[in-house]
Protein backbone atom coordinates (compact mmCIF):
# COMPACT_ATOMS: atom_id res chain seq x y z
CA UNK A 1 -153.93 -138.18 -52.69
CA UNK A 2 -151.42 -135.38 -52.74
CA UNK A 3 -152.01 -132.39 -54.98
CA UNK A 4 -149.54 -131.24 -57.54
CA UNK A 5 -146.85 -128.86 -56.30
CA UNK A 6 -147.52 -125.19 -56.99
CA UNK A 7 -145.96 -123.91 -60.20
CA UNK A 8 -143.71 -120.93 -59.65
CA UNK A 9 -144.55 -118.28 -62.21
CA UNK A 10 -141.70 -116.53 -64.02
CA UNK A 11 -140.69 -113.06 -62.93
CA UNK A 12 -142.55 -110.43 -64.99
CA UNK A 13 -140.65 -109.24 -68.04
CA UNK A 14 -138.06 -106.47 -68.00
CA UNK A 15 -140.24 -103.99 -69.90
CA UNK A 16 -143.09 -103.87 -67.35
CA UNK A 17 -140.56 -103.76 -64.51
CA UNK A 18 -138.83 -100.79 -66.11
CA UNK A 19 -142.10 -98.89 -66.64
CA UNK A 20 -143.03 -99.52 -63.04
CA UNK A 21 -139.66 -98.30 -61.73
CA UNK A 22 -139.78 -95.12 -63.77
CA UNK A 23 -143.38 -94.30 -62.83
CA UNK A 24 -142.78 -95.05 -59.16
CA UNK A 25 -139.68 -92.87 -58.91
CA UNK A 26 -141.49 -89.98 -60.63
CA UNK A 27 -144.37 -90.39 -58.19
CA UNK A 28 -141.96 -90.43 -55.24
CA UNK A 29 -140.30 -87.21 -56.34
CA UNK A 30 -143.66 -85.46 -55.89
CA UNK A 31 -145.24 -87.35 -52.99
CA UNK A 32 -142.44 -88.56 -50.71
CA UNK A 33 -143.08 -88.26 -46.99
CA UNK A 34 -140.70 -86.25 -44.82
CA UNK A 35 -139.82 -88.76 -42.11
CA UNK A 36 -137.06 -88.32 -39.51
CA UNK A 37 -135.32 -91.62 -40.26
CA UNK A 38 -134.89 -90.52 -43.87
CA UNK A 39 -132.50 -87.83 -42.68
CA UNK A 40 -129.87 -90.32 -41.59
CA UNK A 41 -127.89 -93.19 -43.03
CA UNK A 42 -126.69 -94.35 -39.63
CA UNK A 43 -127.31 -98.13 -39.51
CA UNK A 44 -128.36 -98.08 -35.85
CA UNK A 45 -130.94 -95.34 -36.37
CA UNK A 46 -132.24 -97.08 -39.48
CA UNK A 47 -132.58 -100.30 -37.48
CA UNK A 48 -134.45 -98.56 -34.65
CA UNK A 49 -136.93 -97.04 -37.09
CA UNK A 50 -137.53 -100.31 -38.91
CA UNK A 51 -138.10 -102.28 -35.72
CA UNK A 52 -140.48 -99.62 -34.41
CA UNK A 53 -142.43 -99.53 -37.66
CA UNK A 54 -143.23 -103.24 -37.49
CA UNK A 55 -147.01 -103.45 -36.90
CA UNK A 56 -147.10 -99.78 -35.82
CA UNK A 57 -148.34 -96.68 -37.63
CA UNK A 58 -145.88 -93.99 -38.65
CA UNK A 59 -147.66 -91.29 -36.62
CA UNK A 60 -147.17 -93.26 -33.41
CA UNK A 61 -143.56 -94.07 -34.17
CA UNK A 62 -142.23 -90.55 -34.85
CA UNK A 63 -142.31 -89.17 -31.27
CA UNK A 64 -141.11 -92.45 -29.78
CA UNK A 65 -138.27 -92.64 -32.31
CA UNK A 66 -136.96 -89.26 -31.11
CA UNK A 67 -137.42 -90.16 -27.45
CA UNK A 68 -135.75 -93.55 -27.76
CA UNK A 69 -132.70 -92.16 -29.58
CA UNK A 70 -132.47 -89.32 -27.08
CA UNK A 71 -132.15 -91.96 -24.35
CA UNK A 72 -130.04 -94.47 -26.34
CA UNK A 73 -128.20 -92.55 -29.10
CA UNK A 74 -125.83 -95.39 -30.01
CA UNK A 75 -125.62 -99.16 -30.05
CA UNK A 76 -123.20 -98.92 -27.12
CA UNK A 77 -125.59 -96.95 -24.92
CA UNK A 78 -128.43 -99.33 -25.73
CA UNK A 79 -126.26 -102.38 -25.05
CA UNK A 80 -125.22 -100.97 -21.66
CA UNK A 81 -128.82 -100.33 -20.55
CA UNK A 82 -130.96 -102.68 -18.51
CA UNK A 83 -133.53 -104.44 -20.67
CA UNK A 84 -136.29 -103.44 -18.24
CA UNK A 85 -135.42 -99.77 -18.79
CA UNK A 86 -135.43 -100.28 -22.55
CA UNK A 87 -138.92 -101.78 -22.36
CA UNK A 88 -140.14 -98.85 -20.28
CA UNK A 89 -138.76 -96.38 -22.80
CA UNK A 90 -140.43 -98.33 -25.58
CA UNK A 91 -143.89 -98.08 -23.97
CA UNK A 92 -146.60 -97.72 -25.31
CA UNK A 93 -145.67 -98.99 -28.79
CA UNK A 94 -146.62 -102.57 -27.89
CA UNK A 95 -145.27 -105.85 -29.29
CA UNK A 96 -142.80 -105.75 -26.44
CA UNK A 97 -140.58 -108.50 -27.76
CA UNK A 98 -139.25 -105.87 -30.18
CA UNK A 99 -137.28 -103.84 -27.61
CA UNK A 100 -135.95 -107.08 -26.14
CA UNK A 101 -134.67 -108.12 -29.56
CA UNK A 102 -133.28 -104.64 -30.23
CA UNK A 103 -131.41 -104.70 -26.93
CA UNK A 104 -130.01 -108.15 -27.75
CA UNK A 105 -128.92 -107.00 -31.21
CA UNK A 106 -127.09 -104.04 -29.65
CA UNK A 107 -125.27 -106.25 -27.16
CA UNK A 108 -124.23 -108.73 -29.83
CA UNK A 109 -123.13 -105.98 -32.22
CA UNK A 110 -120.95 -104.48 -29.49
CA UNK A 111 -119.50 -107.85 -28.50
CA UNK A 112 -118.90 -109.23 -32.01
CA UNK A 113 -118.70 -106.28 -34.40
CA UNK A 114 -117.14 -103.45 -32.41
CA UNK A 115 -120.41 -101.57 -31.97
CA UNK A 116 -121.29 -101.55 -35.65
CA UNK A 117 -124.04 -103.44 -37.44
CA UNK A 118 -122.63 -105.75 -40.11
CA UNK A 119 -123.16 -104.80 -43.76
CA UNK A 120 -123.67 -108.39 -44.86
CA UNK A 121 -127.10 -110.02 -45.14
CA UNK A 122 -126.05 -113.37 -43.73
CA UNK A 123 -124.42 -111.77 -40.69
CA UNK A 124 -127.37 -109.45 -40.10
CA UNK A 125 -129.86 -112.31 -40.23
CA UNK A 126 -127.92 -114.22 -37.59
CA UNK A 127 -128.87 -111.47 -35.12
CA UNK A 128 -132.05 -112.53 -33.34
CA UNK A 129 -134.92 -110.30 -34.36
CA UNK A 130 -133.60 -109.42 -37.82
CA UNK A 131 -135.38 -111.17 -40.66
CA UNK A 132 -135.04 -110.80 -44.40
CA UNK A 133 -137.06 -107.58 -44.59
CA UNK A 134 -135.17 -105.79 -41.79
CA UNK A 135 -131.83 -106.95 -43.17
CA UNK A 136 -132.76 -105.59 -46.60
CA UNK A 137 -133.86 -102.27 -45.08
CA UNK A 138 -130.56 -101.84 -43.21
CA UNK A 139 -128.54 -102.81 -46.26
CA UNK A 140 -130.35 -100.51 -48.69
CA UNK A 141 -131.17 -97.55 -46.42
CA UNK A 142 -127.96 -97.43 -44.37
CA UNK A 143 -125.31 -99.05 -46.56
CA UNK A 144 -126.66 -98.18 -50.01
CA UNK A 145 -126.65 -101.78 -51.16
CA UNK A 146 -128.89 -103.25 -53.84
CA UNK A 147 -131.12 -105.24 -51.47
CA UNK A 148 -134.86 -105.92 -51.85
CA UNK A 149 -137.48 -105.42 -49.15
CA UNK A 150 -140.95 -106.90 -48.84
CA UNK A 151 -143.55 -105.91 -46.27
CA UNK A 152 -147.35 -105.90 -46.23
CA UNK A 153 -147.65 -102.69 -48.24
CA UNK A 154 -145.13 -103.80 -50.84
CA UNK A 155 -146.83 -107.19 -51.19
CA UNK A 156 -150.05 -105.38 -52.00
CA UNK A 157 -148.44 -103.05 -54.56
CA UNK A 158 -146.55 -105.78 -56.40
CA UNK A 159 -149.46 -108.21 -56.26
CA UNK A 160 -151.92 -105.76 -57.76
CA UNK A 161 -149.71 -104.21 -60.41
CA UNK A 162 -147.98 -107.33 -61.71
CA UNK A 163 -150.43 -110.14 -60.92
CA UNK A 164 -153.80 -108.40 -60.73
CA UNK A 165 -154.61 -109.79 -57.30
CA UNK A 166 -154.17 -109.23 -53.61
CA UNK A 167 -150.52 -109.74 -52.71
CA UNK A 168 -151.52 -112.09 -49.90
CA UNK A 169 -152.55 -114.61 -52.56
CA UNK A 170 -149.20 -114.54 -54.33
CA UNK A 171 -146.56 -116.91 -52.92
CA UNK A 172 -144.00 -115.07 -50.83
CA UNK A 173 -141.08 -116.56 -52.75
CA UNK A 174 -142.46 -115.15 -56.01
CA UNK A 175 -142.84 -111.69 -54.54
CA UNK A 176 -139.30 -111.72 -53.15
CA UNK A 177 -137.99 -112.67 -56.58
CA UNK A 178 -139.98 -109.85 -58.14
CA UNK A 179 -138.90 -107.32 -55.49
CA UNK A 180 -135.28 -108.16 -56.26
CA UNK A 181 -135.73 -108.18 -60.04
CA UNK A 182 -137.52 -104.81 -59.94
CA UNK A 183 -134.66 -103.03 -58.18
CA UNK A 184 -132.95 -100.31 -60.22
CA UNK A 185 -129.19 -100.38 -60.62
CA UNK A 186 -129.00 -96.99 -58.93
CA UNK A 187 -131.36 -95.09 -56.59
CA UNK A 188 -132.19 -98.26 -54.67
CA UNK A 189 -132.75 -96.18 -51.53
CA UNK A 190 -135.36 -94.03 -53.26
CA UNK A 191 -137.00 -96.99 -54.95
CA UNK A 192 -137.48 -98.98 -51.75
CA UNK A 193 -138.72 -95.95 -49.85
CA UNK A 194 -141.09 -95.18 -52.72
CA UNK A 195 -142.53 -98.68 -52.60
CA UNK A 196 -143.38 -98.26 -48.93
CA UNK A 197 -144.83 -94.77 -49.37
CA UNK A 198 -146.92 -95.77 -52.37
CA UNK A 199 -148.43 -98.74 -50.56
CA UNK A 200 -149.05 -96.76 -47.39
CA UNK A 201 -150.63 -93.68 -48.95
CA UNK A 202 -151.99 -94.46 -52.45
CA UNK A 203 -152.24 -98.19 -53.11
CA UNK A 204 -153.94 -98.77 -49.78
CA UNK A 205 -155.82 -101.88 -48.72
CA UNK A 206 -159.34 -100.44 -48.65
CA UNK A 207 -159.49 -97.20 -50.65
CA UNK A 208 -156.66 -97.08 -53.20
CA UNK A 209 -156.36 -93.92 -55.30
CA UNK A 210 -156.80 -95.71 -58.61
CA UNK A 211 -158.09 -92.87 -60.76
CA UNK A 212 -155.07 -90.52 -60.43
CA UNK A 213 -152.61 -93.42 -60.11
CA UNK A 214 -149.66 -93.19 -62.52
CA UNK A 215 -149.55 -97.00 -62.65
CA UNK A 216 -153.08 -97.45 -63.98
CA UNK A 217 -151.93 -97.76 -67.62
CA UNK A 218 -150.19 -101.04 -66.85
CA UNK A 219 -151.62 -102.13 -63.48
CA UNK A 220 -153.25 -105.55 -63.94
CA UNK A 221 -155.68 -104.86 -61.10
CA UNK A 222 -156.91 -101.43 -62.28
CA UNK A 223 -159.46 -100.44 -61.16
CA UNK A 224 -159.46 -101.96 -57.67
CA UNK A 225 -161.48 -103.76 -56.47
CA UNK A 226 -162.23 -105.70 -59.64
CA UNK A 227 -165.83 -105.91 -60.84
CA UNK A 228 -167.85 -108.45 -58.88
CA UNK A 229 -165.41 -108.55 -55.96
């Protein structure tokens, strides 16, 4: 016998979303990390950073980011390179399908878009290796568009604050809807960067900083982990 289909919960109300936005942006103004890819709005450099950061810690990415862009400063130079050389430059970040995809994206961008990444989500997601998260990152961080992002850290933040549970237990579709609904009308760049920083440094998986957290007044999971967990 088949079970009943899961009921999709409504997006949390506007009031809690607004309080969260305001608290998060205030937190970010004090605690933002100084990262090299935050000093550029170049779509190619944003893309390189986002692909490198997939499954890889920031500390390992920073030196390789500089090295990779020193070798391949533009989409055109990357597209003209041999894929074997690109993989060697990528070493030792791992997940070696990533440089292959990045090389393919560069070649297609040069062939179809004149050496420029498209600023449209549908077109970006047609490039092999670019999913919804990476497309949203390029759109918001490079093109200043009002696009949501959702990664492991953001899942955890949204799940705890709005649902009182681990984000892995909340359906992905619900979290995408919430990530989009929570976006401010302005300062989308700062908001999305703040979400990532907050999840990476304060609302961490194992030892979140609950006591000094500015979200604790309205976080449904405070304190974490819940009693008896």
